[in-house]
Protein backbone atom coordinates (compact mmCIF):
# COMPACT_ATOMS: atom_id res chain seq x y z
CA MET A 1 -19.68 8.24 -27.32
CA LYS A 2 -18.79 4.51 -26.72
CA SER A 3 -15.59 5.31 -28.71
CA THR A 4 -14.59 8.01 -28.15
CA LEU A 5 -15.08 6.53 -23.94
CA MET A 6 -12.65 3.63 -24.46
CA ALA A 7 -10.20 6.69 -26.66
CA VAL A 8 -9.69 7.98 -23.13
CA TYR A 9 -9.73 4.83 -21.05
CA PHE A 10 -6.51 4.26 -23.37
CA VAL A 11 -5.30 6.04 -23.74
CA THR A 12 -5.71 6.51 -19.63
CA GLY A 13 -3.74 3.00 -19.64
CA CYS A 14 -0.79 3.55 -21.34
CA LEU A 15 -0.17 6.98 -19.58
CA ILE A 16 0.46 5.54 -16.43
CA CYS A 17 1.31 2.31 -17.76
CA GLY A 18 4.66 4.33 -18.89
CA TRP A 19 4.69 6.04 -16.18
CA PHE A 20 5.88 3.06 -14.24
CA THR A 21 7.67 1.58 -17.14
CA MET A 22 9.55 5.33 -16.55
CA ALA A 23 9.91 4.79 -12.55
CA ALA A 24 11.47 1.55 -12.95
CA ALA A 25 13.88 1.92 -15.21
CA TYR A 26 15.30 5.60 -13.63
CA GLN A 27 14.60 3.48 -9.95
CA TRP A 28 12.64 6.31 -8.32
CA ARG A 29 12.24 5.95 -4.99
CA ALA A 30 8.13 5.95 -3.91
CA PRO A 31 7.33 8.89 -1.75
CA ASP A 32 7.79 8.57 2.24
CA PHE A 33 4.56 9.72 4.53
CA GLY A 34 6.07 8.02 7.20
CA VAL A 35 3.35 5.50 7.59
CA VAL A 36 5.98 2.39 7.31
CA LYS A 37 7.63 3.56 10.32
CA ALA A 38 4.32 4.64 12.03
CA LEU A 39 3.36 0.49 11.77
CA ARG A 40 7.40 -0.01 12.70
CA GLU A 41 7.52 2.35 16.03
CA SER A 42 3.57 1.54 16.81
CA ASN A 43 4.47 -3.12 16.97
CA ARG A 44 8.82 -2.39 18.31
CA GLY A 45 6.43 -1.47 21.91
CA GLY A 46 5.77 -3.49 24.67
CA GLY A 47 2.86 -5.97 24.36
CA GLY A 48 1.57 -3.59 21.60
CA GLY A 49 -0.40 -0.66 20.95
CA GLY A 50 -1.58 0.56 17.64
CA TYR A 51 -3.47 -1.14 14.08
CA TYR A 52 -2.73 -4.44 14.89
CA GLY A 53 -2.23 -5.12 18.40
CA GLY A 54 0.84 -7.35 19.83
CA GLY A 55 1.97 -10.41 19.06
CA ARG A 56 -0.31 -13.72 19.09
CA SER A 57 -3.01 -12.55 20.34
CA TYR A 58 -3.76 -11.05 17.66
CA GLY A 59 -7.52 -11.64 15.74
CA GLY A 60 -9.45 -12.50 19.42
CA SER A 61 -11.18 -14.92 19.20
CA TRP A 62 -12.77 -14.12 15.30
CA GLY A 63 -9.52 -15.07 13.91
CA GLY A 64 -8.64 -18.22 16.36
CA GLY A 65 -5.53 -15.77 18.24
CA LYS A 66 -3.68 -17.30 21.43
């Protein structure tokens, strides 16, 4: 059982490494799900809405924001 599990682990690791090697060799691009664009647009507004808030005030009293 242990040797079978290790073989599966090894083969899976080799397949993943091979996949990333092929992606680097052929310069494949990551899929665009729109997350980066949404974050950029939310931080672009005046005073900042969105997850990260705006500018230097991020962090509040815990993060030492000013």
